[in-house]
Amino acid sequence: MGVQERKVREFNRRESEILSAALVLFRRDDWEFVTVEEIAQKAEVGKGTIYKHFESKDEIYARLALDFNRTLLEQFRRVDTSLPVTVRFREMTRLAWEAHVASHELHRVVLYCGRAEFRRNLPASIADEYEAIERETSEITGALIQQGVDEGLFPRKPLGTLLFGAQSAFWGAVQLIWSGFLGEPDRAHYCDEISNFILAGLIYQDQTASV
């Protein structure tokens, strides 16, 4: 391995260590007030080193969220498209659920970075990468729901309308997990429950409930 390759590897390793250190600090209740100086101390580097890798603390947030979204997209890509719609839906729900309930600090960074006002201030290269990942993720989930519509499993409504209820239920369930309201829940069990609830809503939403 040449000198330049070693420098690149060392640069990437240090960047990963900075991100890991930042994520540890973001476990605090006042995580939004963590400073670049504190991140540098935690990563055992100088403040100047942080700025060699990231323009600002917001870029650290963004990189953490991008890595999260990129990993989830890769998992979605590997779901077998030959499986029945409901099986694929459950698998993709499980993947998203496990990603969001695995780390409270990472989950809230992802939500923080999803705000329009945050995204508007990102460097163009990062904003473009965000858009590309989200576009492909939406294409995968949209194609799944559309297949369900085409097969007569889901009602023939606009995709945005169908996804609104599903997404609302999913995000609400994740927030319940992290609120502490449920105590120490069996997260796998609640994943099954929310999958059942969302699928039932998609399939039976237009049927009149008998009282």
N, C-alpha and C. Protein backbone atom coordinates (compact mmCIF):
# COMPACT_ATOMS: atom_id res chain seq x y z
N MET A 1 0.84 -1.19 0.00
CA MET A 1 0.00 0.00 0.00
C MET A 1 0.88 1.25 0.00
N GLY A 2 0.58 2.21 -0.89
CA GLY A 2 1.38 3.39 -1.01
C GLY A 2 1.10 4.41 0.09
N VAL A 3 1.93 5.46 0.12
CA VAL A 3 1.79 6.50 1.14
C VAL A 3 0.43 7.19 1.02
N GLN A 4 0.03 7.51 -0.21
CA GLN A 4 -1.24 8.20 -0.41
C GLN A 4 -2.42 7.35 0.05
N GLU A 5 -2.38 6.07 -0.23
CA GLU A 5 -3.45 5.17 0.21
C GLU A 5 -3.54 5.12 1.73
N ARG A 6 -2.37 5.09 2.38
CA ARG A 6 -2.35 5.06 3.84
C ARG A 6 -2.94 6.36 4.40
N LYS A 7 -2.62 7.48 3.76
CA LYS A 7 -3.15 8.76 4.22
C LYS A 7 -4.68 8.79 4.09
N VAL A 8 -5.18 8.27 2.99
CA VAL A 8 -6.63 8.24 2.79
C VAL A 8 -7.29 7.34 3.82
N ARG A 9 -6.69 6.19 4.06
CA ARG A 9 -7.24 5.27 5.05
C ARG A 9 -7.24 5.89 6.44
N GLU A 10 -6.16 6.58 6.78
CA GLU A 10 -6.06 7.23 8.08
C GLU A 10 -7.08 8.36 8.19
N PHE A 11 -7.25 9.11 7.11
CA PHE A 11 -8.22 10.20 7.10
C PHE A 11 -9.63 9.66 7.34
N ASN A 12 -9.98 8.59 6.65
CA ASN A 12 -11.31 7.99 6.80
C ASN A 12 -11.51 7.40 8.19
N ARG A 13 -10.45 6.80 8.73
CA ARG A 13 -10.55 6.23 10.08
C ARG A 13 -10.79 7.33 11.10
N ARG A 14 -10.08 8.43 10.98
CA ARG A 14 -10.24 9.52 11.92
C ARG A 14 -11.65 10.13 11.79
N GLU A 15 -12.12 10.24 10.59
CA GLU A 15 -13.47 10.77 10.38
C GLU A 15 -14.51 9.88 11.04
N SER A 16 -14.36 8.57 10.90
CA SER A 16 -15.27 7.64 11.53
C SER A 16 -15.22 7.77 13.05
N GLU A 17 -14.04 7.97 13.59
CA GLU A 17 -13.89 8.12 15.05
C GLU A 17 -14.57 9.41 15.53
N ILE A 18 -14.49 10.46 14.74
CA ILE A 18 -15.16 11.72 15.11
C ILE A 18 -16.67 11.52 15.14
N LEU A 19 -17.20 10.86 14.13
CA LEU A 19 -18.64 10.61 14.08
C LEU A 19 -19.09 9.75 15.26
N SER A 20 -18.31 8.74 15.58
CA SER A 20 -18.65 7.87 16.70
C SER A 20 -18.62 8.63 18.02
N ALA A 21 -17.63 9.50 18.18
CA ALA A 21 -17.53 10.31 19.40
C ALA A 21 -18.72 11.25 19.51
N ALA A 22 -19.09 11.87 18.40
CA ALA A 22 -20.23 12.78 18.40
C ALA A 22 -21.50 12.04 18.80
N LEU A 23 -21.68 10.85 18.27
CA LEU A 23 -22.91 10.10 18.55
C LEU A 23 -23.00 9.73 20.03
N VAL A 24 -21.87 9.42 20.65
CA VAL A 24 -21.87 9.14 22.09
C VAL A 24 -22.34 10.37 22.86
N LEU A 25 -21.85 11.54 22.48
CA LEU A 25 -22.25 12.77 23.17
C LEU A 25 -23.72 13.11 22.91
N PHE A 26 -24.25 12.68 21.78
CA PHE A 26 -25.64 12.98 21.45
C PHE A 26 -26.62 12.14 22.26
N ARG A 27 -26.11 11.29 23.15
CA ARG A 27 -26.99 10.56 24.07
C ARG A 27 -27.53 11.47 25.17
N ARG A 28 -26.88 12.62 25.36
CA ARG A 28 -27.29 13.54 26.41
C ARG A 28 -28.65 14.16 26.10
N ASP A 29 -29.38 14.53 27.17
CA ASP A 29 -30.67 15.19 26.98
C ASP A 29 -30.51 16.52 26.26
N ASP A 30 -29.38 17.19 26.48
CA ASP A 30 -29.14 18.47 25.82
C ASP A 30 -28.27 18.29 24.58
N TRP A 31 -28.50 17.23 23.85
CA TRP A 31 -27.61 16.83 22.75
C TRP A 31 -27.45 17.91 21.69
N GLU A 32 -28.46 18.73 21.50
CA GLU A 32 -28.37 19.79 20.48
C GLU A 32 -27.35 20.87 20.87
N PHE A 33 -26.96 20.90 22.15
CA PHE A 33 -26.03 21.92 22.63
C PHE A 33 -24.60 21.40 22.76
N VAL A 34 -24.37 20.15 22.35
CA VAL A 34 -23.00 19.63 22.32
C VAL A 34 -22.17 20.50 21.39
N THR A 35 -20.98 20.87 21.81
CA THR A 35 -20.13 21.76 21.01
C THR A 35 -19.09 20.98 20.20
N VAL A 36 -18.55 21.65 19.21
CA VAL A 36 -17.47 21.05 18.43
C VAL A 36 -16.27 20.77 19.33
N GLU A 37 -16.02 21.66 20.29
CA GLU A 37 -14.93 21.45 21.23
C GLU A 37 -15.13 20.15 22.02
N GLU A 38 -16.34 19.89 22.45
CA GLU A 38 -16.61 18.66 23.21
C GLU A 38 -16.42 17.43 22.34
N ILE A 39 -16.84 17.54 21.08
CA ILE A 39 -16.65 16.42 20.16
C ILE A 39 -15.17 16.16 19.94
N ALA A 40 -14.39 17.22 19.79
CA ALA A 40 -12.95 17.08 19.61
C ALA A 40 -12.31 16.40 20.82
N GLN A 41 -12.72 16.82 22.02
CA GLN A 41 -12.17 16.21 23.23
C GLN A 41 -12.53 14.73 23.31
N LYS A 42 -13.78 14.41 22.97
CA LYS A 42 -14.22 13.02 23.04
C LYS A 42 -13.47 12.16 22.02
N ALA A 43 -13.21 12.72 20.85
CA ALA A 43 -12.50 11.98 19.80
C ALA A 43 -10.98 12.02 19.99
N GLU A 44 -10.53 12.81 20.99
CA GLU A 44 -9.11 12.96 21.28
C GLU A 44 -8.35 13.54 20.09
N VAL A 45 -8.92 14.59 19.52
CA VAL A 45 -8.27 15.32 18.43
C VAL A 45 -8.40 16.81 18.71
N GLY A 46 -7.68 17.61 17.97
CA GLY A 46 -7.81 19.05 18.09
C GLY A 46 -9.06 19.54 17.38
N LYS A 47 -9.53 20.70 17.80
CA LYS A 47 -10.70 21.28 17.16
C LYS A 47 -10.47 21.51 15.66
N GLY A 48 -9.25 21.88 15.32
CA GLY A 48 -8.92 22.10 13.91
C GLY A 48 -9.07 20.84 13.08
N THR A 49 -8.80 19.68 13.69
CA THR A 49 -8.94 18.41 12.97
C THR A 49 -10.41 18.18 12.60
N ILE A 50 -11.31 18.55 13.51
CA ILE A 50 -12.73 18.40 13.20
C ILE A 50 -13.07 19.14 11.91
N TYR A 51 -12.56 20.37 11.80
CA TYR A 51 -12.90 21.20 10.64
C TYR A 51 -12.18 20.78 9.37
N LYS A 52 -11.20 19.90 9.49
CA LYS A 52 -10.60 19.31 8.29
C LYS A 52 -11.54 18.28 7.66
N HIS A 53 -12.44 17.76 8.49
CA HIS A 53 -13.37 16.72 8.02
C HIS A 53 -14.78 17.26 7.80
N PHE A 54 -15.19 18.22 8.61
CA PHE A 54 -16.56 18.73 8.56
C PHE A 54 -16.57 20.25 8.64
N GLU A 55 -17.40 20.87 7.83
CA GLU A 55 -17.46 22.33 7.84
C GLU A 55 -18.11 22.88 9.11
N SER A 56 -19.01 22.10 9.71
CA SER A 56 -19.77 22.57 10.87
C SER A 56 -20.34 21.40 11.64
N LYS A 57 -20.92 21.69 12.78
CA LYS A 57 -21.59 20.64 13.55
C LYS A 57 -22.78 20.10 12.78
N ASP A 58 -23.47 20.98 12.02
CA ASP A 58 -24.60 20.53 11.22
C ASP A 58 -24.17 19.48 10.20
N GLU A 59 -22.96 19.62 9.68
CA GLU A 59 -22.49 18.62 8.73
C GLU A 59 -22.23 17.29 9.43
N ILE A 60 -21.84 17.32 10.69
CA ILE A 60 -21.69 16.08 11.46
C ILE A 60 -23.06 15.42 11.62
N TYR A 61 -24.07 16.21 11.99
CA TYR A 61 -25.43 15.67 12.05
C TYR A 61 -25.80 15.01 10.72
N ALA A 62 -25.57 15.76 9.65
CA ALA A 62 -25.99 15.30 8.33
C ALA A 62 -25.30 14.01 7.93
N ARG A 63 -24.00 13.90 8.24
CA ARG A 63 -23.27 12.69 7.87
C ARG A 63 -23.78 11.48 8.64
N LEU A 64 -24.10 11.67 9.90
CA LEU A 64 -24.67 10.56 10.67
C LEU A 64 -26.00 10.12 10.08
N ALA A 65 -26.84 11.08 9.74
CA ALA A 65 -28.15 10.76 9.17
C ALA A 65 -28.01 10.12 7.79
N LEU A 66 -27.07 10.62 6.99
CA LEU A 66 -26.86 10.05 5.67
C LEU A 66 -26.40 8.60 5.77
N ASP A 67 -25.47 8.33 6.68
CA ASP A 67 -25.00 6.95 6.86
C ASP A 67 -26.15 6.04 7.27
N PHE A 68 -27.02 6.55 8.13
CA PHE A 68 -28.19 5.78 8.57
C PHE A 68 -29.09 5.48 7.38
N ASN A 69 -29.43 6.51 6.61
CA ASN A 69 -30.34 6.34 5.48
C ASN A 69 -29.73 5.46 4.40
N ARG A 70 -28.42 5.59 4.19
CA ARG A 70 -27.76 4.78 3.17
C ARG A 70 -27.78 3.31 3.56
N THR A 71 -27.53 3.02 4.83
CA THR A 71 -27.55 1.63 5.30
C THR A 71 -28.94 1.03 5.16
N LEU A 72 -29.97 1.79 5.53
CA LEU A 72 -31.33 1.28 5.42
C LEU A 72 -31.70 1.05 3.96
N LEU A 73 -31.29 1.94 3.08
CA LEU A 73 -31.57 1.76 1.65
C LEU A 73 -30.93 0.49 1.13
N GLU A 74 -29.68 0.23 1.53
CA GLU A 74 -29.00 -0.99 1.11
C GLU A 74 -29.78 -2.22 1.56
N GLN A 75 -30.33 -2.18 2.76
CA GLN A 75 -31.11 -3.31 3.26
C GLN A 75 -32.40 -3.47 2.46
N PHE A 76 -33.05 -2.37 2.12
CA PHE A 76 -34.26 -2.42 1.30
C PHE A 76 -33.97 -3.03 -0.08
N ARG A 77 -32.81 -2.68 -0.64
CA ARG A 77 -32.46 -3.21 -1.96
C ARG A 77 -32.34 -4.72 -1.96
N ARG A 78 -31.95 -5.28 -0.81
CA ARG A 78 -31.72 -6.72 -0.74
C ARG A 78 -32.99 -7.53 -0.48
N VAL A 79 -34.11 -6.85 -0.23
CA VAL A 79 -35.36 -7.58 -0.03
C VAL A 79 -35.80 -8.19 -1.36
N ASP A 80 -36.09 -9.48 -1.35
CA ASP A 80 -36.44 -10.22 -2.56
C ASP A 80 -37.76 -9.71 -3.16
N THR A 81 -37.69 -9.14 -4.35
CA THR A 81 -38.90 -8.57 -4.97
C THR A 81 -39.86 -9.64 -5.50
N SER A 82 -39.44 -10.91 -5.47
CA SER A 82 -40.34 -11.98 -5.92
C SER A 82 -41.27 -12.44 -4.78
N LEU A 83 -41.01 -11.97 -3.56
CA LEU A 83 -41.86 -12.35 -2.43
C LEU A 83 -43.23 -11.68 -2.54
N PRO A 84 -44.26 -12.25 -1.94
CA PRO A 84 -45.58 -11.62 -1.94
C PRO A 84 -45.52 -10.23 -1.29
N VAL A 85 -46.44 -9.37 -1.69
CA VAL A 85 -46.45 -7.99 -1.21
C VAL A 85 -46.46 -7.91 0.30
N THR A 86 -47.32 -8.69 0.96
CA THR A 86 -47.43 -8.58 2.42
C THR A 86 -46.15 -9.05 3.11
N VAL A 87 -45.48 -10.05 2.56
CA VAL A 87 -44.24 -10.55 3.14
C VAL A 87 -43.15 -9.49 3.00
N ARG A 88 -43.04 -8.89 1.83
CA ARG A 88 -42.05 -7.84 1.63
C ARG A 88 -42.36 -6.62 2.50
N PHE A 89 -43.64 -6.29 2.62
CA PHE A 89 -44.02 -5.15 3.45
C PHE A 89 -43.59 -5.38 4.90
N ARG A 90 -43.84 -6.57 5.41
CA ARG A 90 -43.44 -6.88 6.79
C ARG A 90 -41.92 -6.82 6.96
N GLU A 91 -41.20 -7.31 5.96
CA GLU A 91 -39.74 -7.32 6.06
C GLU A 91 -39.19 -5.90 6.03
N MET A 92 -39.71 -5.06 5.16
CA MET A 92 -39.23 -3.69 5.09
C MET A 92 -39.62 -2.90 6.34
N THR A 93 -40.80 -3.19 6.87
CA THR A 93 -41.20 -2.55 8.13
C THR A 93 -40.27 -2.97 9.26
N ARG A 94 -39.91 -4.26 9.28
CA ARG A 94 -38.99 -4.76 10.32
C ARG A 94 -37.63 -4.08 10.22
N LEU A 95 -37.12 -3.95 9.00
CA LEU A 95 -35.82 -3.33 8.82
C LEU A 95 -35.83 -1.87 9.29
N ALA A 96 -36.86 -1.13 8.92
CA ALA A 96 -36.96 0.27 9.34
C ALA A 96 -37.15 0.37 10.85
N TRP A 97 -37.97 -0.51 11.40
CA TRP A 97 -38.23 -0.51 12.83
C TRP A 97 -36.95 -0.76 13.62
N GLU A 98 -36.23 -1.82 13.25
CA GLU A 98 -35.01 -2.17 13.98
C GLU A 98 -33.97 -1.05 13.87
N ALA A 99 -33.92 -0.39 12.73
CA ALA A 99 -32.96 0.71 12.57
C ALA A 99 -33.28 1.87 13.51
N HIS A 100 -34.57 2.19 13.63
CA HIS A 100 -34.96 3.36 14.41
C HIS A 100 -35.04 3.09 15.92
N VAL A 101 -35.22 1.84 16.32
CA VAL A 101 -35.28 1.58 17.76
C VAL A 101 -33.95 1.07 18.31
N ALA A 102 -32.95 0.94 17.45
CA ALA A 102 -31.65 0.45 17.92
C ALA A 102 -30.87 1.51 18.65
N SER A 103 -31.05 2.78 18.26
CA SER A 103 -30.25 3.85 18.85
C SER A 103 -31.10 5.11 18.95
N HIS A 104 -31.40 5.51 20.20
CA HIS A 104 -32.22 6.71 20.40
C HIS A 104 -31.51 7.94 19.85
N GLU A 105 -30.20 8.04 20.12
CA GLU A 105 -29.48 9.23 19.68
C GLU A 105 -29.43 9.33 18.16
N LEU A 106 -29.26 8.20 17.49
CA LEU A 106 -29.21 8.23 16.04
C LEU A 106 -30.60 8.51 15.45
N HIS A 107 -31.62 7.93 16.06
CA HIS A 107 -33.00 8.18 15.61
C HIS A 107 -33.33 9.66 15.66
N ARG A 108 -32.99 10.33 16.76
CA ARG A 108 -33.38 11.73 16.85
C ARG A 108 -32.50 12.62 15.97
N VAL A 109 -31.27 12.21 15.70
CA VAL A 109 -30.46 12.95 14.74
C VAL A 109 -31.09 12.86 13.34
N VAL A 110 -31.56 11.67 12.99
CA VAL A 110 -32.21 11.47 11.69
C VAL A 110 -33.45 12.36 11.57
N LEU A 111 -34.25 12.41 12.62
CA LEU A 111 -35.44 13.27 12.60
C LEU A 111 -35.04 14.74 12.49
N TYR A 112 -34.04 15.12 13.25
CA TYR A 112 -33.56 16.51 13.24
C TYR A 112 -33.12 16.92 11.84
N CYS A 113 -32.43 16.03 11.17
CA CYS A 113 -31.91 16.34 9.84
C CYS A 113 -32.98 16.28 8.76
N GLY A 114 -34.13 15.72 9.09
CA GLY A 114 -35.20 15.64 8.11
C GLY A 114 -35.99 16.93 7.96
N ARG A 115 -35.75 17.89 8.83
CA ARG A 115 -36.50 19.15 8.79
C ARG A 115 -36.08 19.98 7.57
N ALA A 116 -37.06 20.62 6.94
CA ALA A 116 -36.78 21.39 5.73
C ALA A 116 -35.81 22.52 6.00
N GLU A 117 -35.94 23.19 7.15
CA GLU A 117 -35.07 24.32 7.44
C GLU A 117 -33.62 23.87 7.64
N PHE A 118 -33.43 22.66 8.15
CA PHE A 118 -32.07 22.13 8.29
C PHE A 118 -31.49 21.81 6.92
N ARG A 119 -32.27 21.18 6.08
CA ARG A 119 -31.79 20.74 4.78
C ARG A 119 -31.42 21.91 3.87
N ARG A 120 -32.13 23.01 4.02
CA ARG A 120 -31.87 24.16 3.16
C ARG A 120 -30.46 24.72 3.35
N ASN A 121 -29.88 24.51 4.51
CA ASN A 121 -28.57 25.09 4.82
C ASN A 121 -27.40 24.15 4.59
N LEU A 122 -27.68 22.96 4.05
CA LEU A 122 -26.61 21.99 3.82
C LEU A 122 -25.82 22.34 2.56
N PRO A 123 -24.54 21.98 2.52
CA PRO A 123 -23.78 22.12 1.28
C PRO A 123 -24.47 21.35 0.15
N ALA A 124 -24.34 21.84 -1.06
CA ALA A 124 -25.05 21.25 -2.20
C ALA A 124 -24.75 19.77 -2.38
N SER A 125 -23.50 19.39 -2.18
CA SER A 125 -23.13 17.98 -2.40
C SER A 125 -23.86 17.06 -1.43
N ILE A 126 -23.97 17.48 -0.17
CA ILE A 126 -24.66 16.66 0.82
C ILE A 126 -26.17 16.66 0.56
N ALA A 127 -26.71 17.83 0.22
CA ALA A 127 -28.14 17.91 -0.08
C ALA A 127 -28.50 17.02 -1.27
N ASP A 128 -27.63 16.99 -2.28
CA ASP A 128 -27.88 16.15 -3.45
C ASP A 128 -27.86 14.67 -3.09
N GLU A 129 -26.92 14.30 -2.20
CA GLU A 129 -26.85 12.90 -1.79
C GLU A 129 -28.09 12.51 -0.99
N TYR A 130 -28.53 13.40 -0.12
CA TYR A 130 -29.78 13.18 0.62
C TYR A 130 -30.91 12.90 -0.35
N GLU A 131 -31.04 13.77 -1.34
CA GLU A 131 -32.15 13.67 -2.29
C GLU A 131 -32.10 12.36 -3.06
N ALA A 132 -30.90 11.95 -3.47
CA ALA A 132 -30.76 10.72 -4.24
C ALA A 132 -31.15 9.50 -3.42
N ILE A 133 -30.71 9.45 -2.17
CA ILE A 133 -31.05 8.32 -1.30
C ILE A 133 -32.54 8.28 -1.02
N GLU A 134 -33.11 9.43 -0.71
CA GLU A 134 -34.55 9.48 -0.41
C GLU A 134 -35.38 9.14 -1.64
N ARG A 135 -34.93 9.58 -2.81
CA ARG A 135 -35.67 9.29 -4.03
C ARG A 135 -35.71 7.78 -4.29
N GLU A 136 -34.57 7.11 -4.15
CA GLU A 136 -34.55 5.67 -4.39
C GLU A 136 -35.35 4.92 -3.33
N THR A 137 -35.24 5.36 -2.08
CA THR A 137 -36.02 4.72 -1.02
C THR A 137 -37.51 4.86 -1.30
N SER A 138 -37.94 6.04 -1.72
CA SER A 138 -39.35 6.27 -2.05
C SER A 138 -39.78 5.42 -3.24
N GLU A 139 -38.89 5.26 -4.21
CA GLU A 139 -39.21 4.44 -5.38
C GLU A 139 -39.44 2.98 -4.98
N ILE A 140 -38.61 2.48 -4.06
CA ILE A 140 -38.75 1.09 -3.62
C ILE A 140 -40.06 0.90 -2.86
N THR A 141 -40.31 1.78 -1.89
CA THR A 141 -41.54 1.63 -1.09
C THR A 141 -42.77 1.92 -1.95
N GLY A 142 -42.67 2.90 -2.84
CA GLY A 142 -43.80 3.22 -3.71
C GLY A 142 -44.14 2.08 -4.64
N ALA A 143 -43.11 1.42 -5.19
CA ALA A 143 -43.34 0.29 -6.08
C ALA A 143 -44.02 -0.86 -5.35
N LEU A 144 -43.65 -1.07 -4.10
CA LEU A 144 -44.28 -2.12 -3.29
C LEU A 144 -45.76 -1.83 -3.08
N ILE A 145 -46.08 -0.59 -2.67
CA ILE A 145 -47.48 -0.24 -2.44
C ILE A 145 -48.26 -0.29 -3.75
N GLN A 146 -47.66 0.18 -4.84
CA GLN A 146 -48.35 0.16 -6.13
C GLN A 146 -48.64 -1.26 -6.58
N GLN A 147 -47.72 -2.18 -6.32
CA GLN A 147 -47.98 -3.57 -6.66
C GLN A 147 -49.18 -4.10 -5.88
N GLY A 148 -49.27 -3.69 -4.60
CA GLY A 148 -50.42 -4.09 -3.80
C GLY A 148 -51.72 -3.54 -4.36
N VAL A 149 -51.68 -2.31 -4.87
CA VAL A 149 -52.85 -1.71 -5.51
C VAL A 149 -53.21 -2.48 -6.77
N ASP A 150 -52.20 -2.75 -7.61
CA ASP A 150 -52.43 -3.45 -8.88
C ASP A 150 -53.00 -4.84 -8.68
N GLU A 151 -52.61 -5.48 -7.59
CA GLU A 151 -53.09 -6.84 -7.30
C GLU A 151 -54.45 -6.83 -6.60
N GLY A 152 -54.98 -5.64 -6.30
CA GLY A 152 -56.27 -5.55 -5.64
C GLY A 152 -56.21 -5.74 -4.14
N LEU A 153 -55.00 -5.77 -3.59
CA LEU A 153 -54.84 -5.95 -2.15
C LEU A 153 -55.14 -4.64 -1.41
N PHE A 154 -54.63 -3.53 -1.94
CA PHE A 154 -54.84 -2.21 -1.36
C PHE A 154 -55.82 -1.43 -2.23
N PRO A 155 -56.56 -0.50 -1.65
CA PRO A 155 -57.52 0.30 -2.43
C PRO A 155 -56.82 1.16 -3.47
N ARG A 156 -57.53 1.45 -4.53
CA ARG A 156 -56.96 2.25 -5.61
C ARG A 156 -57.05 3.73 -5.25
N LYS A 157 -56.04 4.18 -4.54
CA LYS A 157 -55.93 5.57 -4.12
C LYS A 157 -54.53 6.08 -4.47
N PRO A 158 -54.31 7.40 -4.46
CA PRO A 158 -52.96 7.92 -4.70
C PRO A 158 -51.98 7.36 -3.68
N LEU A 159 -50.76 7.11 -4.13
CA LEU A 159 -49.75 6.54 -3.24
C LEU A 159 -49.53 7.40 -2.00
N GLY A 160 -49.53 8.71 -2.19
CA GLY A 160 -49.32 9.60 -1.05
C GLY A 160 -50.38 9.44 0.01
N THR A 161 -51.61 9.21 -0.43
CA THR A 161 -52.71 9.02 0.52
C THR A 161 -52.54 7.71 1.27
N LEU A 162 -52.19 6.65 0.54
CA LEU A 162 -52.01 5.34 1.18
C LEU A 162 -50.84 5.37 2.17
N LEU A 163 -49.77 6.05 1.79
CA LEU A 163 -48.59 6.06 2.64
C LEU A 163 -48.76 6.96 3.87
N PHE A 164 -49.66 7.94 3.79
CA PHE A 164 -49.83 8.87 4.90
C PHE A 164 -50.20 8.14 6.19
N GLY A 165 -51.21 7.30 6.13
CA GLY A 165 -51.62 6.57 7.33
C GLY A 165 -50.56 5.60 7.80
N ALA A 166 -49.92 4.91 6.84
CA ALA A 166 -48.89 3.93 7.20
C ALA A 166 -47.71 4.60 7.88
N GLN A 167 -47.25 5.71 7.33
CA GLN A 167 -46.12 6.41 7.90
C GLN A 167 -46.46 7.03 9.25
N SER A 168 -47.68 7.55 9.37
CA SER A 168 -48.10 8.15 10.65
C SER A 168 -48.10 7.11 11.76
N ALA A 169 -48.62 5.92 11.45
CA ALA A 169 -48.66 4.85 12.45
C ALA A 169 -47.26 4.40 12.82
N PHE A 170 -46.40 4.25 11.82
CA PHE A 170 -45.04 3.78 12.10
C PHE A 170 -44.29 4.77 12.97
N TRP A 171 -44.29 6.05 12.59
CA TRP A 171 -43.55 7.04 13.36
C TRP A 171 -44.13 7.23 14.75
N GLY A 172 -45.44 7.14 14.86
CA GLY A 172 -46.04 7.23 16.18
C GLY A 172 -45.61 6.09 17.09
N ALA A 173 -45.51 4.88 16.52
CA ALA A 173 -45.09 3.72 17.31
C ALA A 173 -43.64 3.86 17.76
N VAL A 174 -42.78 4.34 16.87
CA VAL A 174 -41.37 4.53 17.24
C VAL A 174 -41.25 5.55 18.37
N GLN A 175 -42.03 6.63 18.27
CA GLN A 175 -41.98 7.65 19.32
C GLN A 175 -42.47 7.09 20.65
N LEU A 176 -43.45 6.22 20.62
CA LEU A 176 -43.93 5.59 21.86
C LEU A 176 -42.82 4.75 22.51
N ILE A 177 -42.08 4.04 21.67
CA ILE A 177 -40.98 3.24 22.21
C ILE A 177 -39.98 4.13 22.93
N TRP A 178 -39.60 5.24 22.29
CA TRP A 178 -38.56 6.09 22.86
C TRP A 178 -39.07 7.04 23.94
N SER A 179 -40.38 7.21 24.05
CA SER A 179 -40.93 8.10 25.08
C SER A 179 -40.81 7.51 26.48
N GLY A 180 -40.66 6.17 26.54
CA GLY A 180 -40.63 5.50 27.84
C GLY A 180 -42.01 5.16 28.35
N PHE A 181 -43.05 5.56 27.62
CA PHE A 181 -44.42 5.32 28.05
C PHE A 181 -44.72 3.83 28.20
N LEU A 182 -44.07 3.01 27.37
CA LEU A 182 -44.33 1.57 27.38
C LEU A 182 -43.39 0.82 28.32
N GLY A 183 -42.55 1.55 29.05
CA GLY A 183 -41.61 0.89 29.94
C GLY A 183 -40.50 0.24 29.14
N GLU A 184 -40.26 -1.04 29.38
CA GLU A 184 -39.26 -1.81 28.64
C GLU A 184 -39.99 -2.83 27.78
N PRO A 185 -40.49 -2.40 26.63
CA PRO A 185 -41.33 -3.28 25.81
C PRO A 185 -40.53 -4.33 25.04
N ASP A 186 -41.21 -5.38 24.65
CA ASP A 186 -40.66 -6.37 23.74
C ASP A 186 -40.73 -5.74 22.34
N ARG A 187 -39.62 -5.24 21.86
CA ARG A 187 -39.65 -4.45 20.62
C ARG A 187 -39.98 -5.30 19.41
N ALA A 188 -39.57 -6.56 19.40
CA ALA A 188 -39.92 -7.44 18.28
C ALA A 188 -41.43 -7.66 18.25
N HIS A 189 -42.02 -7.82 19.43
CA HIS A 189 -43.47 -8.01 19.51
C HIS A 189 -44.20 -6.78 18.98
N TYR A 190 -43.74 -5.60 19.37
CA TYR A 190 -44.41 -4.38 18.91
C TYR A 190 -44.17 -4.14 17.43
N CYS A 191 -43.08 -4.65 16.89
CA CYS A 191 -42.86 -4.56 15.45
C CYS A 191 -43.93 -5.37 14.71
N ASP A 192 -44.20 -6.56 15.22
CA ASP A 192 -45.26 -7.38 14.62
C ASP A 192 -46.61 -6.69 14.73
N GLU A 193 -46.87 -6.08 15.88
CA GLU A 193 -48.15 -5.42 16.10
C GLU A 193 -48.34 -4.23 15.15
N ILE A 194 -47.31 -3.42 14.98
CA ILE A 194 -47.47 -2.25 14.11
C ILE A 194 -47.56 -2.69 12.66
N SER A 195 -46.87 -3.76 12.29
CA SER A 195 -46.99 -4.28 10.92
C SER A 195 -48.41 -4.76 10.66
N ASN A 196 -48.98 -5.48 11.63
CA ASN A 196 -50.36 -5.95 11.48
C ASN A 196 -51.32 -4.78 11.37
N PHE A 197 -51.11 -3.77 12.21
CA PHE A 197 -52.00 -2.61 12.25
C PHE A 197 -51.96 -1.85 10.92
N ILE A 198 -50.76 -1.62 10.41
CA ILE A 198 -50.63 -0.85 9.16
C ILE A 198 -51.20 -1.64 7.99
N LEU A 199 -50.90 -2.93 7.92
CA LEU A 199 -51.43 -3.73 6.82
C LEU A 199 -52.96 -3.78 6.86
N ALA A 200 -53.52 -3.94 8.06
CA ALA A 200 -54.97 -3.95 8.19
C ALA A 200 -55.56 -2.62 7.73
N GLY A 201 -54.91 -1.53 8.09
CA GLY A 201 -55.37 -0.21 7.68
C GLY A 201 -55.33 -0.04 6.18
N LEU A 202 -54.26 -0.52 5.55
CA LEU A 202 -54.14 -0.41 4.10
C LEU A 202 -55.18 -1.26 3.38
N ILE A 203 -55.40 -2.47 3.89
CA ILE A 203 -56.29 -3.41 3.20
C ILE A 203 -57.76 -3.10 3.43
N TYR A 204 -58.10 -2.76 4.68
CA TYR A 204 -59.52 -2.65 5.04
C TYR A 204 -60.00 -1.23 5.28
N GLN A 205 -59.20 -0.23 4.96
CA GLN A 205 -59.55 1.14 5.32
C GLN A 205 -60.86 1.62 4.74
N ASP A 206 -61.29 1.11 3.61
CA ASP A 206 -62.51 1.60 2.99
C ASP A 206 -63.76 0.80 3.38
N GLN A 207 -63.57 -0.20 4.21
CA GLN A 207 -64.71 -1.00 4.63
C GLN A 207 -65.36 -0.35 5.86
N THR A 208 -66.67 -0.26 5.84
CA THR A 208 -67.39 0.35 6.97
C THR A 208 -67.34 -0.57 8.17
N ALA A 209 -66.90 -0.03 9.30
CA ALA A 209 -66.81 -0.82 10.53
C ALA A 209 -68.21 -1.00 11.11
N SER A 210 -68.50 -2.19 11.53
CA SER A 210 -69.79 -2.45 12.17
C SER A 210 -69.63 -2.21 13.66
N VAL A 211 -70.55 -1.48 14.25
CA VAL A 211 -70.48 -1.14 15.67
C VAL A 211 -71.42 -2.04 16.44
